[in-house]
Amino acid sequence: MKYTQLGRTGLKVSRLVLGTMNFGPHTDKADSHAIMDAALDAGINFFDTANVYGWGENKGRTESIIGNWFAKGGERRDKVVLATKVYGNMGADGAAWPNHDKLSAVNIRRAVDASLTRLKTDYIDVYQFHHIDRDTPFEEIWQAIDVLVQQGKILYAGSSNFPGYKIAQANEVAARRGGTIGLVSEQCLYNLYERRAEMEVIPAAQEYGLGVIPFSPLHGGALGGVLKKEIEGGRRGEGLAAGNLSGPEVRAKIQAYEDLLDKHGLEPGEAALAWLLTRPGVTGPIVGPRTAEQLESALRAVELELSEELLAGLDEIFPGPGPSPEAFAW
């Protein structure tokens, strides 16, 4: 495994991030524990989760699965850089009770204590804001975070799904307050097919020293060789992969992508991850394996070297927006 610093911090993290969203809804406790053991054995030390994972009436279940794994001992907790998130309504159904979601100081305090209980740990390495909160000023958010840092409950704060201007705003407020390091990471939707983050989010992250953690690196499965699997398996893609393949133009792009990688003797899913590892500002993509086999495939991406010819071919199929502001101005 290869490692890098998380943004401008001294924290060393693996170039692949283990995403745990499938733990509970799609992968049972025993298999989830086996995947985490395999990830740790392979050198992955950066684990990502969220308080809402498990979904519906099972919100929090994913954190509990991770907590039960930590409780097995064997230095599991000490070896893991643990990231979780706050924002969502933790109630099973319907609207949240007032102050039981988003980023008020009240909810941050409540949510972090609940996550620590489920995770069976006394601290979280990277506590991430799952979404922007239009109603809560950053002065209040940072005040709450400062208290948690002083209490030793969290070490760093990160964002997720933030636009570039909110990254800037958050860190400018942190700088004015003094004594607050501000955001150290941004988790965003970014992959070969969906490159809009290159317009504003990634430049802002680089400017303020945030590590970029892309989620959905295979664009819901569309970049994982789905057309080839249709032919071999005799059935069409399902779920997100099917939705992301709607329309003949999209399918043509994916077909060209699979043909290009076949020419170079590469597996599509592994190449899509390897491409992200070449991108400026990217700490590491989140991989969310449902099985040990999927984890093994993701691990091979770290060792892939993509040629300049292949990178140019990928840019032809999936051109990025170009540098900002030139992409939309002179």
Protein backbone atom coordinates (compact mmCIF):
# COMPACT_ATOMS: atom_id res chain seq x y z
CA MET A 1 0.00 0.00 0.00
CA LYS A 2 1.10 3.56 -0.69
CA TYR A 3 0.48 6.42 1.71
CA THR A 4 0.19 10.18 1.54
CA GLN A 5 -0.49 13.11 3.84
CA LEU A 6 -4.13 14.08 4.33
CA GLY A 7 -4.11 17.55 2.83
CA ARG A 8 -1.86 19.94 4.74
CA THR A 9 -1.88 17.82 7.91
CA GLY A 10 0.79 15.52 9.25
CA LEU A 11 -1.66 12.61 9.17
CA LYS A 12 -0.57 9.73 6.92
CA VAL A 13 -3.37 7.85 5.17
CA SER A 14 -3.57 5.08 2.57
CA ARG A 15 -4.16 5.94 -1.10
CA LEU A 16 -7.34 3.85 -0.94
CA VAL A 17 -10.09 4.66 1.55
CA LEU A 18 -12.32 1.85 2.78
CA GLY A 19 -15.93 2.92 2.42
CA THR A 20 -18.35 1.13 4.72
CA MET A 21 -21.75 2.19 3.38
CA ASN A 22 -22.55 -1.39 2.35
CA PHE A 23 -21.89 -2.75 5.84
CA GLY A 24 -25.29 -3.64 7.22
CA PRO A 25 -27.60 -3.00 4.25
CA HIS A 26 -25.76 -5.35 1.84
CA THR A 27 -22.94 -7.01 3.78
CA ASP A 28 -23.61 -8.75 7.08
CA LYS A 29 -21.59 -8.25 10.25
CA ALA A 30 -19.32 -11.28 9.80
CA ASP A 31 -18.44 -10.46 6.20
CA SER A 32 -17.99 -6.79 7.06
CA HIS A 33 -15.51 -7.74 9.77
CA ALA A 34 -13.67 -10.01 7.33
CA ILE A 35 -13.41 -7.18 4.77
CA MET A 36 -12.06 -4.77 7.40
CA ASP A 37 -9.50 -7.35 8.50
CA ALA A 38 -8.44 -7.88 4.89
CA ALA A 39 -8.22 -4.14 4.29
CA LEU A 40 -6.02 -3.65 7.33
CA ASP A 41 -3.83 -6.61 6.33
CA ALA A 42 -3.41 -4.98 2.90
CA GLY A 43 -2.29 -1.72 4.49
CA ILE A 44 -5.49 0.32 4.14
CA ASN A 45 -5.61 2.47 7.27
CA PHE A 46 -8.25 5.07 6.29
CA PHE A 47 -11.85 3.96 7.01
CA ASP A 48 -14.86 6.14 6.15
CA THR A 49 -18.39 5.90 7.49
CA ALA A 50 -21.33 8.13 8.53
CA ASN A 51 -23.82 8.16 11.37
CA VAL A 52 -26.75 7.66 8.95
CA TYR A 53 -25.30 4.57 7.27
CA GLY A 54 -27.55 1.57 7.72
CA TRP A 55 -30.40 3.79 6.54
CA GLY A 56 -34.06 3.91 7.54
CA GLU A 57 -34.82 2.21 10.81
CA ASN A 58 -31.25 0.84 10.82
CA LYS A 59 -29.45 4.20 10.85
CA GLY A 60 -26.31 3.84 12.93
CA ARG A 61 -25.96 0.13 12.23
CA THR A 62 -22.82 0.58 10.12
CA GLU A 63 -21.05 2.47 12.90
CA SER A 64 -22.08 -0.29 15.32
CA ILE A 65 -20.60 -2.97 13.04
CA ILE A 66 -17.33 -1.04 12.98
CA GLY A 67 -17.46 -0.58 16.75
CA ASN A 68 -17.91 -4.32 17.28
CA TRP A 69 -14.89 -4.90 15.05
CA PHE A 70 -12.79 -2.45 17.07
CA ALA A 71 -13.88 -4.25 20.23
CA LYS A 72 -12.12 -7.41 19.03
CA GLY A 73 -8.85 -5.74 19.91
CA GLY A 74 -5.63 -6.60 18.15
CA GLU A 75 -4.73 -2.89 17.81
CA ARG A 76 -7.54 -2.48 15.29
CA ARG A 77 -8.55 0.95 16.53
CA ASP A 78 -4.98 2.20 16.91
CA LYS A 79 -4.15 1.26 13.31
CA VAL A 80 -7.20 2.93 11.74
CA VAL A 81 -7.67 6.56 10.77
CA LEU A 82 -11.41 6.75 11.41
CA ALA A 83 -13.67 9.21 9.61
CA THR A 84 -17.40 9.56 10.18
CA LYS A 85 -19.99 12.21 9.37
CA VAL A 86 -22.67 14.39 10.94
CA TYR A 87 -25.68 16.19 9.43
CA GLY A 88 -28.48 13.78 8.66
CA ASN A 89 -31.66 13.11 10.58
CA MET A 90 -31.04 10.04 12.73
CA GLY A 91 -34.73 9.34 13.26
CA ALA A 92 -36.12 6.26 11.52
CA ASP A 93 -38.85 8.07 9.60
CA GLY A 94 -40.17 11.51 8.84
CA ALA A 95 -38.88 14.94 9.74
CA ALA A 96 -36.27 15.34 12.43
CA TRP A 97 -37.21 16.57 15.88
CA PRO A 98 -36.00 20.19 16.16
CA ASN A 99 -32.21 20.36 16.64
CA HIS A 100 -31.72 16.66 15.86
CA ASP A 101 -30.07 17.13 12.49
CA LYS A 102 -27.77 19.51 10.57
CA LEU A 103 -24.85 21.40 12.09
CA SER A 104 -26.06 23.39 15.08
CA ALA A 105 -23.73 23.22 18.06
CA VAL A 106 -26.46 21.31 19.89
CA ASN A 107 -26.72 18.60 17.24
CA ILE A 108 -22.96 18.33 16.70
CA ARG A 109 -22.50 17.69 20.43
CA ARG A 110 -25.31 15.14 20.51
CA ALA A 111 -24.26 13.40 17.29
CA VAL A 112 -20.59 12.99 18.13
CA ASP A 113 -21.38 11.37 21.48
CA ALA A 114 -23.81 8.97 19.81
CA SER A 115 -21.26 8.05 17.14
CA LEU A 116 -18.55 7.46 19.75
CA THR A 117 -20.88 5.10 21.61
CA ARG A 118 -21.73 3.10 18.48
CA LEU A 119 -18.11 3.04 17.32
CA LYS A 120 -16.89 1.92 20.77
CA THR A 121 -14.08 4.43 20.74
CA ASP A 122 -13.26 7.62 22.63
CA TYR A 123 -12.17 9.69 19.62
CA ILE A 124 -12.80 10.21 15.90
CA ASP A 125 -9.87 11.13 13.71
CA VAL A 126 -11.75 13.06 11.00
CA TYR A 127 -15.24 14.36 11.79
CA GLN A 128 -16.92 15.35 8.53
CA PHE A 129 -19.84 17.65 7.79
CA HIS A 130 -21.99 15.53 5.48
CA HIS A 131 -23.60 18.55 3.76
CA ILE A 132 -23.66 22.32 4.03
CA ASP A 133 -26.03 23.80 6.59
CA ARG A 134 -27.49 27.03 5.21
CA ASP A 135 -28.97 27.97 8.59
CA THR A 136 -25.94 27.66 10.87
CA PRO A 137 -23.04 30.15 10.68
CA PHE A 138 -19.52 28.75 10.55
CA GLU A 139 -18.67 30.72 13.69
CA GLU A 140 -21.04 28.46 15.62
CA ILE A 141 -19.87 25.31 13.86
CA TRP A 142 -16.20 26.01 14.60
CA GLN A 143 -16.99 26.88 18.21
CA ALA A 144 -18.56 23.43 18.60
CA ILE A 145 -15.65 21.74 16.84
CA ASP A 146 -13.09 23.57 18.97
CA VAL A 147 -14.75 22.24 22.11
CA LEU A 148 -14.70 18.68 20.77
CA VAL A 149 -11.02 18.98 19.87
CA GLN A 150 -10.24 20.31 23.34
CA GLN A 151 -12.17 17.40 24.85
CA GLY A 152 -10.19 14.95 22.71
CA LYS A 153 -13.31 13.60 21.02
CA ILE A 154 -12.19 14.56 17.50
CA LEU A 155 -8.82 15.45 15.97
CA TYR A 156 -9.67 17.00 12.59
CA ALA A 157 -12.72 18.31 10.74
CA GLY A 158 -13.59 17.65 7.11
CA SER A 159 -16.39 18.42 4.69
CA SER A 160 -18.45 16.44 2.22
CA ASN A 161 -20.54 17.65 -0.70
CA PHE A 162 -19.34 21.24 -0.20
CA PRO A 163 -19.15 23.65 -3.15
CA GLY A 164 -15.90 25.53 -3.61
CA TYR A 165 -17.17 28.78 -2.13
CA LYS A 166 -18.27 27.03 1.09
CA ILE A 167 -14.83 25.44 1.46
CA ALA A 168 -13.36 28.93 1.18
CA GLN A 169 -15.90 30.45 3.55
CA ALA A 170 -15.41 27.73 6.17
CA ASN A 171 -11.66 28.09 6.22
CA GLU A 172 -11.67 31.89 6.13
CA VAL A 173 -13.91 31.92 9.21
CA ALA A 174 -11.62 29.39 10.88
CA ALA A 175 -8.59 31.59 10.13
CA ARG A 176 -10.30 34.67 11.57
CA ARG A 177 -11.17 32.81 14.76
CA GLY A 178 -7.58 31.69 15.24
CA GLY A 179 -6.51 28.46 16.89
CA THR A 180 -8.75 26.45 14.55
CA ILE A 181 -7.10 24.44 11.80
CA GLY A 182 -10.27 24.48 9.68
CA LEU A 183 -11.27 21.88 7.12
CA VAL A 184 -8.57 19.36 6.21
CA SER A 185 -10.47 17.24 3.68
CA GLU A 186 -13.35 17.34 1.23
CA GLN A 187 -15.26 14.24 0.20
CA CYS A 188 -16.92 14.80 -3.15
CA LEU A 189 -18.43 13.07 -6.16
CA TYR A 190 -15.58 12.72 -8.63
CA ASN A 191 -14.75 10.13 -11.26
CA LEU A 192 -13.83 9.84 -14.94
CA TYR A 193 -17.41 10.39 -16.05
CA GLU A 194 -18.35 13.07 -13.49
CA ARG A 195 -15.57 15.67 -13.51
CA ARG A 196 -17.41 18.85 -12.53
CA ALA A 197 -15.48 18.94 -9.25
CA GLU A 198 -12.49 20.08 -11.30
CA MET A 199 -14.22 23.43 -11.90
CA GLU A 200 -14.33 24.81 -8.36
CA VAL A 201 -14.28 22.17 -5.61
CA ILE A 202 -10.84 20.69 -6.27
CA PRO A 203 -9.16 24.07 -6.93
CA ALA A 204 -10.61 25.38 -3.66
CA ALA A 205 -9.45 22.27 -1.81
CA GLN A 206 -5.94 22.65 -3.22
CA GLU A 207 -5.83 26.37 -2.40
CA TYR A 208 -6.78 25.74 1.24
CA GLY A 209 -4.78 22.54 1.69
CA LEU A 210 -7.64 20.02 1.86
CA GLY A 211 -7.17 16.42 0.80
CA VAL A 212 -9.76 15.39 -1.79
CA ILE A 213 -11.52 12.08 -1.14
CA PRO A 214 -13.64 11.08 -4.16
CA PHE A 215 -16.71 8.93 -3.63
CA SER A 216 -18.48 6.85 -6.30
CA PRO A 217 -15.21 6.34 -8.21
CA LEU A 218 -16.93 3.90 -10.58
CA HIS A 219 -19.94 6.20 -11.16
CA GLY A 220 -22.40 3.79 -9.62
CA GLY A 221 -20.84 0.81 -11.40
CA ALA A 222 -20.96 2.31 -14.89
CA LEU A 223 -17.14 2.45 -15.04
CA GLY A 224 -16.69 -1.07 -13.73
CA GLY A 225 -17.05 -2.96 -17.03
CA VAL A 226 -20.83 -3.09 -16.91
CA LEU A 227 -21.36 -3.57 -20.67
CA LYS A 228 -18.91 -6.45 -20.78
CA LYS A 229 -20.70 -7.99 -17.80
CA GLU A 230 -24.03 -7.62 -19.64
CA ILE A 231 -22.68 -9.66 -22.54
CA GLU A 232 -21.03 -12.27 -20.35
CA GLY A 233 -23.90 -12.52 -17.89
CA GLY A 234 -26.74 -12.15 -20.34
CA ARG A 235 -28.50 -9.46 -18.30
CA ARG A 236 -28.57 -5.70 -18.16
CA GLY A 237 -27.01 -3.59 -15.45
CA GLU A 238 -29.03 -3.00 -12.31
CA GLY A 239 -29.49 -0.17 -9.84
CA LEU A 240 -27.17 2.82 -10.20
CA ALA A 241 -25.28 1.25 -13.08
CA ALA A 242 -28.49 0.94 -15.09
CA GLY A 243 -29.52 4.50 -14.32
CA ASN A 244 -26.10 5.82 -15.27
CA LEU A 245 -26.29 4.05 -18.65
CA SER A 246 -29.58 5.56 -19.79
CA GLY A 247 -29.41 6.93 -23.32
CA PRO A 248 -27.45 5.83 -26.41
CA GLU A 249 -24.81 8.58 -26.08
CA VAL A 250 -23.89 7.48 -22.58
CA ARG A 251 -23.69 3.83 -23.59
CA ALA A 252 -21.49 4.79 -26.54
CA LYS A 253 -19.06 6.56 -24.21
CA ILE A 254 -18.93 3.59 -21.85
CA GLN A 255 -18.44 1.23 -24.76
CA ALA A 256 -15.54 3.34 -26.08
CA TYR A 257 -14.07 3.36 -22.57
CA GLU A 258 -14.28 -0.41 -22.20
CA ASP A 259 -12.85 -0.94 -25.69
CA LEU A 260 -9.90 1.36 -24.91
CA LEU A 261 -9.06 -0.48 -21.70
CA ASP A 262 -9.46 -3.85 -23.40
CA LYS A 263 -6.90 -2.68 -25.96
CA HIS A 264 -4.48 -1.92 -23.11
CA GLY A 265 -5.29 -5.16 -21.27
CA LEU A 266 -6.75 -3.45 -18.22
CA GLU A 267 -9.85 -4.06 -16.13
CA PRO A 268 -12.21 -1.04 -16.27
CA GLY A 269 -12.86 -0.75 -12.55
CA GLU A 270 -9.19 -0.94 -11.64
CA ALA A 271 -8.27 1.61 -14.32
CA ALA A 272 -10.96 4.04 -13.11
CA LEU A 273 -9.47 3.95 -9.60
CA ALA A 274 -5.92 4.24 -10.92
CA TRP A 275 -6.94 7.32 -12.95
CA LEU A 276 -8.18 9.05 -9.79
CA LEU A 277 -4.83 8.34 -8.14
CA THR A 278 -3.14 10.37 -10.89
CA ARG A 279 -5.32 13.44 -10.31
CA PRO A 280 -3.88 16.53 -8.58
CA GLY A 281 -5.13 17.04 -5.04
CA VAL A 282 -6.64 13.56 -4.67
CA THR A 283 -5.74 11.80 -1.42
CA GLY A 284 -7.46 8.57 -2.36
CA PRO A 285 -10.80 7.33 -3.69
CA ILE A 286 -13.34 5.62 -1.49
CA VAL A 287 -13.89 1.98 -2.36
CA GLY A 288 -16.98 0.32 -0.93
CA PRO A 289 -16.60 -3.42 -1.42
CA ARG A 290 -19.48 -5.74 -0.73
CA THR A 291 -17.18 -8.76 -0.93
CA ALA A 292 -13.52 -9.64 -0.32
CA GLU A 293 -13.10 -10.18 -4.07
CA GLN A 294 -14.13 -6.60 -4.81
CA LEU A 295 -11.58 -5.38 -2.27
CA GLU A 296 -8.83 -7.42 -3.96
CA SER A 297 -9.68 -5.84 -7.31
CA ALA A 298 -9.49 -2.34 -5.83
CA LEU A 299 -6.11 -3.06 -4.26
CA ARG A 300 -4.62 -3.86 -7.67
CA ALA A 301 -5.40 -0.31 -8.81
CA VAL A 302 -2.74 1.13 -6.49
CA GLU A 303 0.00 -0.62 -8.44
CA LEU A 304 -1.30 0.27 -11.92
CA GLU A 305 0.77 2.65 -14.03
CA LEU A 306 -1.33 4.33 -16.70
CA SER A 307 0.55 5.35 -19.83
CA GLU A 308 0.38 8.87 -21.26
CA GLU A 309 -1.29 7.39 -24.34
CA LEU A 310 -4.01 5.80 -22.22
CA LEU A 311 -4.52 8.95 -20.14
CA ALA A 312 -4.92 10.97 -23.34
CA GLY A 313 -7.43 8.44 -24.65
CA LEU A 314 -9.45 8.64 -21.46
CA ASP A 315 -9.50 12.45 -21.73
CA GLU A 316 -10.86 12.15 -25.25
CA ILE A 317 -13.74 9.97 -24.12
CA PHE A 318 -14.41 11.84 -20.88
CA PRO A 319 -13.10 15.39 -21.34
CA GLY A 320 -12.95 17.44 -18.17
CA PRO A 321 -14.37 20.97 -17.95
CA GLY A 322 -10.93 22.56 -18.16
CA PRO A 323 -9.30 25.02 -15.76
CA SER A 324 -11.37 27.59 -13.92
CA PRO A 325 -12.27 30.33 -14.82
CA GLU A 326 -11.13 29.76 -18.41
CA ALA A 327 -13.65 26.92 -18.75
CA PHE A 328 -16.50 29.42 -18.56
CA ALA A 329 -14.76 32.75 -19.29
CA TRP A 330 -11.94 34.08 -21.43
